Amino acid sequence: MALSLNITDPAAKRIKELVAAESKEGQGLRLKIVGGGCSGLQYKLDLDTERAGDRVFEKEGAKVLVDMKSLLYLNGTELDYREGLMESGFVFQNPNVKRSCGCGTSFTV
């Protein structure tokens, strides 16, 4: 089974900006699923280096690092970055989500 994670151009640009701003060359954005939130699971983002067992997705030099357990929940997800007047941040289009909370960061599969 081919596991996938799509990184949009705006997300790749923002990841590179974050890595450069933190002077963390060689690092990427770690995307992880953790327990918590009002629906049971939530996304967690950090800058990190690659670890054994990680799956690395790359676009235009921007790396997204995902552990295999989290990838089971993230397979087929599109990672985007949007900027607006009221809110800016990473946005997840996850086809595995069955229900999410009002805040949009917590979900159930």
N, C-alpha and C. Protein backbone atom coordinates (compact mmCIF):
# COMPACT_ATOMS: atom_id res chain seq x y z
N MET A 1 0.84 -1.17 0.00
CA MET A 1 0.00 0.00 0.00
C MET A 1 0.89 1.24 0.00
N ALA A 2 0.63 2.14 -0.94
CA ALA A 2 1.39 3.39 -1.03
C ALA A 2 0.81 4.41 -0.05
N LEU A 3 1.63 4.87 0.86
CA LEU A 3 1.20 5.88 1.83
C LEU A 3 1.57 7.24 1.29
N SER A 4 0.64 8.20 1.44
CA SER A 4 0.90 9.51 0.83
C SER A 4 0.53 10.66 1.77
N LEU A 5 1.18 11.77 1.53
CA LEU A 5 0.89 13.04 2.19
C LEU A 5 1.24 14.11 1.17
N ASN A 6 0.28 14.94 0.80
CA ASN A 6 0.51 15.98 -0.19
C ASN A 6 0.81 17.30 0.51
N ILE A 7 1.88 17.96 0.09
CA ILE A 7 2.27 19.25 0.63
C ILE A 7 2.01 20.29 -0.46
N THR A 8 1.18 21.28 -0.16
CA THR A 8 0.90 22.32 -1.15
C THR A 8 2.08 23.30 -1.23
N ASP A 9 2.11 24.10 -2.29
CA ASP A 9 3.17 25.10 -2.45
C ASP A 9 3.21 26.09 -1.29
N PRO A 10 2.05 26.64 -0.84
CA PRO A 10 2.11 27.56 0.31
C PRO A 10 2.64 26.89 1.59
N ALA A 11 2.30 25.62 1.81
CA ALA A 11 2.80 24.91 2.99
C ALA A 11 4.30 24.71 2.90
N ALA A 12 4.79 24.33 1.72
CA ALA A 12 6.24 24.13 1.54
C ALA A 12 6.99 25.44 1.79
N LYS A 13 6.46 26.53 1.26
CA LYS A 13 7.09 27.84 1.46
C LYS A 13 7.15 28.20 2.94
N ARG A 14 6.05 27.98 3.68
CA ARG A 14 6.01 28.33 5.11
C ARG A 14 6.94 27.44 5.92
N ILE A 15 7.02 26.16 5.59
CA ILE A 15 7.94 25.25 6.30
C ILE A 15 9.37 25.73 6.13
N LYS A 16 9.75 26.10 4.92
CA LYS A 16 11.11 26.59 4.68
C LYS A 16 11.37 27.87 5.45
N GLU A 17 10.38 28.75 5.54
CA GLU A 17 10.53 29.99 6.31
C GLU A 17 10.73 29.70 7.79
N LEU A 18 9.97 28.77 8.33
CA LEU A 18 10.09 28.42 9.75
C LEU A 18 11.45 27.82 10.06
N VAL A 19 11.92 26.92 9.21
CA VAL A 19 13.23 26.29 9.41
C VAL A 19 14.33 27.34 9.34
N ALA A 20 14.25 28.24 8.36
CA ALA A 20 15.27 29.29 8.22
C ALA A 20 15.24 30.26 9.40
N ALA A 21 14.05 30.63 9.87
CA ALA A 21 13.92 31.59 10.97
C ALA A 21 14.49 31.03 12.26
N GLU A 22 14.40 29.73 12.43
CA GLU A 22 14.92 29.11 13.65
C GLU A 22 16.38 28.65 13.50
N SER A 23 16.97 28.94 12.34
CA SER A 23 18.34 28.48 12.04
C SER A 23 18.48 26.98 12.29
N LYS A 24 17.54 26.23 11.77
CA LYS A 24 17.50 24.79 11.99
C LYS A 24 17.70 24.05 10.67
N GLU A 25 18.73 24.42 9.92
CA GLU A 25 19.00 23.80 8.63
C GLU A 25 19.04 22.27 8.78
N GLY A 26 18.46 21.59 7.80
CA GLY A 26 18.42 20.13 7.84
C GLY A 26 17.23 19.59 8.58
N GLN A 27 16.49 20.46 9.25
CA GLN A 27 15.31 20.00 9.96
C GLN A 27 14.08 20.12 9.07
N GLY A 28 12.99 19.56 9.58
CA GLY A 28 11.73 19.65 8.87
C GLY A 28 10.61 19.83 9.87
N LEU A 29 9.41 19.86 9.35
CA LEU A 29 8.22 19.99 10.18
C LEU A 29 7.74 18.59 10.56
N ARG A 30 7.76 18.28 11.87
CA ARG A 30 7.24 17.00 12.32
C ARG A 30 5.73 17.13 12.50
N LEU A 31 5.00 16.26 11.82
CA LEU A 31 3.55 16.21 11.90
C LEU A 31 3.20 14.91 12.61
N LYS A 32 2.51 15.04 13.74
CA LYS A 32 2.23 13.89 14.58
C LYS A 32 0.78 13.93 15.03
N ILE A 33 0.21 12.76 15.22
CA ILE A 33 -1.13 12.63 15.78
C ILE A 33 -0.97 12.19 17.23
N VAL A 34 -1.60 12.94 18.13
CA VAL A 34 -1.54 12.62 19.56
C VAL A 34 -2.96 12.56 20.11
N GLY A 35 -3.12 11.86 21.21
CA GLY A 35 -4.42 11.80 21.88
C GLY A 35 -4.70 13.12 22.56
N GLY A 36 -5.98 13.50 22.56
CA GLY A 36 -6.37 14.73 23.25
C GLY A 36 -7.38 15.50 22.46
N GLY A 37 -7.71 16.65 22.96
CA GLY A 37 -8.72 17.48 22.31
C GLY A 37 -10.11 16.98 22.61
N CYS A 38 -11.10 17.69 22.13
CA CYS A 38 -12.48 17.34 22.46
C CYS A 38 -13.02 16.18 21.62
N SER A 39 -12.32 15.79 20.54
CA SER A 39 -12.79 14.68 19.72
C SER A 39 -11.92 13.43 19.83
N GLY A 40 -10.84 13.48 20.60
CA GLY A 40 -10.04 12.29 20.84
C GLY A 40 -8.64 12.31 20.28
N LEU A 41 -8.45 12.91 19.10
CA LEU A 41 -7.13 12.98 18.47
C LEU A 41 -6.89 14.41 18.01
N GLN A 42 -5.61 14.79 17.96
CA GLN A 42 -5.29 16.13 17.47
C GLN A 42 -3.94 16.12 16.78
N TYR A 43 -3.72 17.14 15.96
CA TYR A 43 -2.46 17.30 15.24
C TYR A 43 -1.46 18.02 16.14
N LYS A 44 -0.19 17.62 16.03
CA LYS A 44 0.88 18.29 16.76
C LYS A 44 1.99 18.59 15.76
N LEU A 45 2.49 19.82 15.77
CA LEU A 45 3.54 20.26 14.85
C LEU A 45 4.75 20.75 15.63
N ASP A 46 5.94 20.35 15.19
CA ASP A 46 7.20 20.79 15.78
C ASP A 46 8.26 20.81 14.70
N LEU A 47 9.31 21.59 14.90
CA LEU A 47 10.50 21.46 14.06
C LEU A 47 11.36 20.37 14.66
N ASP A 48 11.88 19.48 13.82
CA ASP A 48 12.60 18.32 14.34
C ASP A 48 13.51 17.77 13.25
N THR A 49 14.38 16.84 13.65
CA THR A 49 15.22 16.12 12.69
C THR A 49 14.64 14.73 12.46
N GLU A 50 15.05 14.15 11.36
CA GLU A 50 14.56 12.82 11.01
C GLU A 50 15.02 11.78 12.03
N ARG A 51 14.11 10.87 12.36
CA ARG A 51 14.40 9.77 13.29
C ARG A 51 14.23 8.44 12.57
N ALA A 52 14.82 7.40 13.13
CA ALA A 52 14.67 6.06 12.56
C ALA A 52 13.19 5.70 12.50
N GLY A 53 12.75 5.18 11.37
CA GLY A 53 11.36 4.78 11.21
C GLY A 53 10.45 5.86 10.67
N ASP A 54 10.96 7.09 10.53
CA ASP A 54 10.15 8.18 9.98
C ASP A 54 9.94 8.01 8.49
N ARG A 55 8.83 8.49 8.02
CA ARG A 55 8.59 8.64 6.59
C ARG A 55 8.76 10.13 6.31
N VAL A 56 9.60 10.46 5.33
CA VAL A 56 9.88 11.85 5.00
C VAL A 56 9.21 12.19 3.68
N PHE A 57 8.39 13.23 3.71
CA PHE A 57 7.75 13.75 2.51
C PHE A 57 8.41 15.09 2.22
N GLU A 58 8.76 15.32 0.96
CA GLU A 58 9.51 16.52 0.64
C GLU A 58 8.93 17.20 -0.60
N LYS A 59 8.91 18.52 -0.53
CA LYS A 59 8.50 19.32 -1.69
C LYS A 59 9.34 20.58 -1.73
N GLU A 60 10.04 20.79 -2.82
CA GLU A 60 10.85 21.98 -3.04
C GLU A 60 11.78 22.28 -1.86
N GLY A 61 12.36 21.25 -1.27
CA GLY A 61 13.29 21.42 -0.16
C GLY A 61 12.66 21.47 1.21
N ALA A 62 11.34 21.50 1.28
CA ALA A 62 10.63 21.50 2.57
C ALA A 62 10.34 20.05 2.96
N LYS A 63 10.70 19.69 4.17
CA LYS A 63 10.50 18.32 4.64
C LYS A 63 9.39 18.25 5.68
N VAL A 64 8.54 17.22 5.55
CA VAL A 64 7.56 16.90 6.57
C VAL A 64 7.90 15.50 7.06
N LEU A 65 8.12 15.38 8.37
CA LEU A 65 8.52 14.13 9.01
C LEU A 65 7.32 13.53 9.72
N VAL A 66 7.05 12.25 9.45
CA VAL A 66 5.89 11.59 10.05
C VAL A 66 6.30 10.22 10.54
N ASP A 67 6.00 9.91 11.80
CA ASP A 67 6.26 8.56 12.31
C ASP A 67 5.20 7.62 11.73
N MET A 68 5.49 6.34 11.68
CA MET A 68 4.60 5.38 11.00
C MET A 68 3.24 5.27 11.68
N LYS A 69 3.17 5.37 12.98
CA LYS A 69 1.87 5.29 13.67
C LYS A 69 0.98 6.47 13.26
N SER A 70 1.54 7.67 13.24
CA SER A 70 0.78 8.85 12.84
C SER A 70 0.37 8.77 11.38
N LEU A 71 1.22 8.19 10.55
CA LEU A 71 0.93 8.10 9.12
C LEU A 71 -0.33 7.28 8.84
N LEU A 72 -0.63 6.33 9.71
CA LEU A 72 -1.86 5.55 9.54
C LEU A 72 -3.09 6.45 9.59
N TYR A 73 -3.04 7.51 10.40
CA TYR A 73 -4.15 8.46 10.50
C TYR A 73 -4.07 9.55 9.44
N LEU A 74 -2.87 9.77 8.89
CA LEU A 74 -2.64 10.89 7.97
C LEU A 74 -2.60 10.49 6.50
N ASN A 75 -2.65 9.21 6.19
CA ASN A 75 -2.52 8.76 4.81
C ASN A 75 -3.54 9.46 3.91
N GLY A 76 -3.05 10.08 2.85
CA GLY A 76 -3.92 10.77 1.91
C GLY A 76 -4.20 12.22 2.26
N THR A 77 -3.64 12.71 3.35
CA THR A 77 -3.89 14.08 3.81
C THR A 77 -3.17 15.11 2.95
N GLU A 78 -3.80 16.25 2.76
CA GLU A 78 -3.17 17.39 2.12
C GLU A 78 -2.84 18.41 3.21
N LEU A 79 -1.58 18.81 3.27
CA LEU A 79 -1.12 19.83 4.22
C LEU A 79 -1.01 21.15 3.45
N ASP A 80 -1.77 22.14 3.90
CA ASP A 80 -1.79 23.44 3.24
C ASP A 80 -1.46 24.51 4.28
N TYR A 81 -1.13 25.70 3.82
CA TYR A 81 -0.94 26.85 4.70
C TYR A 81 -1.75 27.99 4.12
N ARG A 82 -2.58 28.60 4.98
CA ARG A 82 -3.43 29.71 4.54
C ARG A 82 -3.22 30.92 5.43
N GLU A 83 -3.24 32.08 4.79
CA GLU A 83 -3.14 33.34 5.53
C GLU A 83 -4.40 34.14 5.29
N GLY A 84 -4.93 34.68 6.37
CA GLY A 84 -6.13 35.51 6.27
C GLY A 84 -6.07 36.63 7.27
N LEU A 85 -7.05 37.50 7.22
CA LEU A 85 -7.11 38.63 8.14
C LEU A 85 -7.36 38.19 9.57
N MET A 86 -8.16 37.16 9.75
CA MET A 86 -8.53 36.71 11.09
C MET A 86 -7.66 35.57 11.61
N GLU A 87 -7.10 34.78 10.68
CA GLU A 87 -6.38 33.59 11.12
C GLU A 87 -5.40 33.13 10.05
N SER A 88 -4.26 32.67 10.47
CA SER A 88 -3.26 32.10 9.57
C SER A 88 -2.74 30.82 10.19
N GLY A 89 -2.46 29.82 9.36
CA GLY A 89 -1.90 28.59 9.90
C GLY A 89 -2.00 27.43 8.93
N PHE A 90 -1.46 26.31 9.37
CA PHE A 90 -1.52 25.09 8.58
C PHE A 90 -2.94 24.53 8.64
N VAL A 91 -3.38 24.00 7.50
CA VAL A 91 -4.72 23.45 7.37
C VAL A 91 -4.58 22.02 6.84
N PHE A 92 -5.35 21.11 7.43
CA PHE A 92 -5.30 19.70 7.06
C PHE A 92 -6.59 19.28 6.36
N GLN A 93 -6.44 18.71 5.17
CA GLN A 93 -7.56 18.10 4.48
C GLN A 93 -7.32 16.60 4.59
N ASN A 94 -7.88 15.99 5.64
CA ASN A 94 -7.62 14.60 5.98
C ASN A 94 -8.83 13.75 5.61
N PRO A 95 -8.70 12.87 4.61
CA PRO A 95 -9.84 12.05 4.18
C PRO A 95 -10.23 10.97 5.20
N ASN A 96 -9.42 10.75 6.21
CA ASN A 96 -9.69 9.72 7.22
C ASN A 96 -10.58 10.21 8.35
N VAL A 97 -10.77 11.52 8.45
CA VAL A 97 -11.54 12.11 9.55
C VAL A 97 -13.03 11.82 9.35
N LYS A 98 -13.64 11.28 10.38
CA LYS A 98 -15.07 11.00 10.37
C LYS A 98 -15.86 12.14 11.01
N ARG A 99 -15.25 12.78 12.02
CA ARG A 99 -15.91 13.86 12.75
C ARG A 99 -14.83 14.75 13.34
N SER A 100 -15.08 16.07 13.33
CA SER A 100 -14.13 16.99 13.96
C SER A 100 -14.90 17.95 14.85
N CYS A 101 -14.16 18.60 15.74
CA CYS A 101 -14.78 19.55 16.66
C CYS A 101 -14.90 20.92 15.99
N GLY A 102 -15.51 21.85 16.68
CA GLY A 102 -15.72 23.18 16.15
C GLY A 102 -14.43 23.96 15.90
N CYS A 103 -13.40 23.70 16.69
CA CYS A 103 -12.15 24.44 16.51
C CYS A 103 -11.33 23.92 15.33
N GLY A 104 -11.62 22.71 14.87
CA GLY A 104 -10.96 22.17 13.70
C GLY A 104 -9.62 21.52 13.94
N THR A 105 -9.16 21.46 15.19
CA THR A 105 -7.86 20.83 15.45
C THR A 105 -7.98 19.46 16.08
N SER A 106 -9.16 19.07 16.48
CA SER A 106 -9.39 17.78 17.12
C SER A 106 -10.35 16.98 16.24
N PHE A 107 -10.11 15.67 16.15
CA PHE A 107 -10.91 14.86 15.24
C PHE A 107 -11.03 13.41 15.70
N THR A 108 -11.92 12.67 15.04
CA THR A 108 -12.13 11.24 15.27
C THR A 108 -12.03 10.54 13.93
N VAL A 109 -11.41 9.35 13.93
CA VAL A 109 -11.34 8.55 12.70
C VAL A 109 -12.24 7.34 12.80
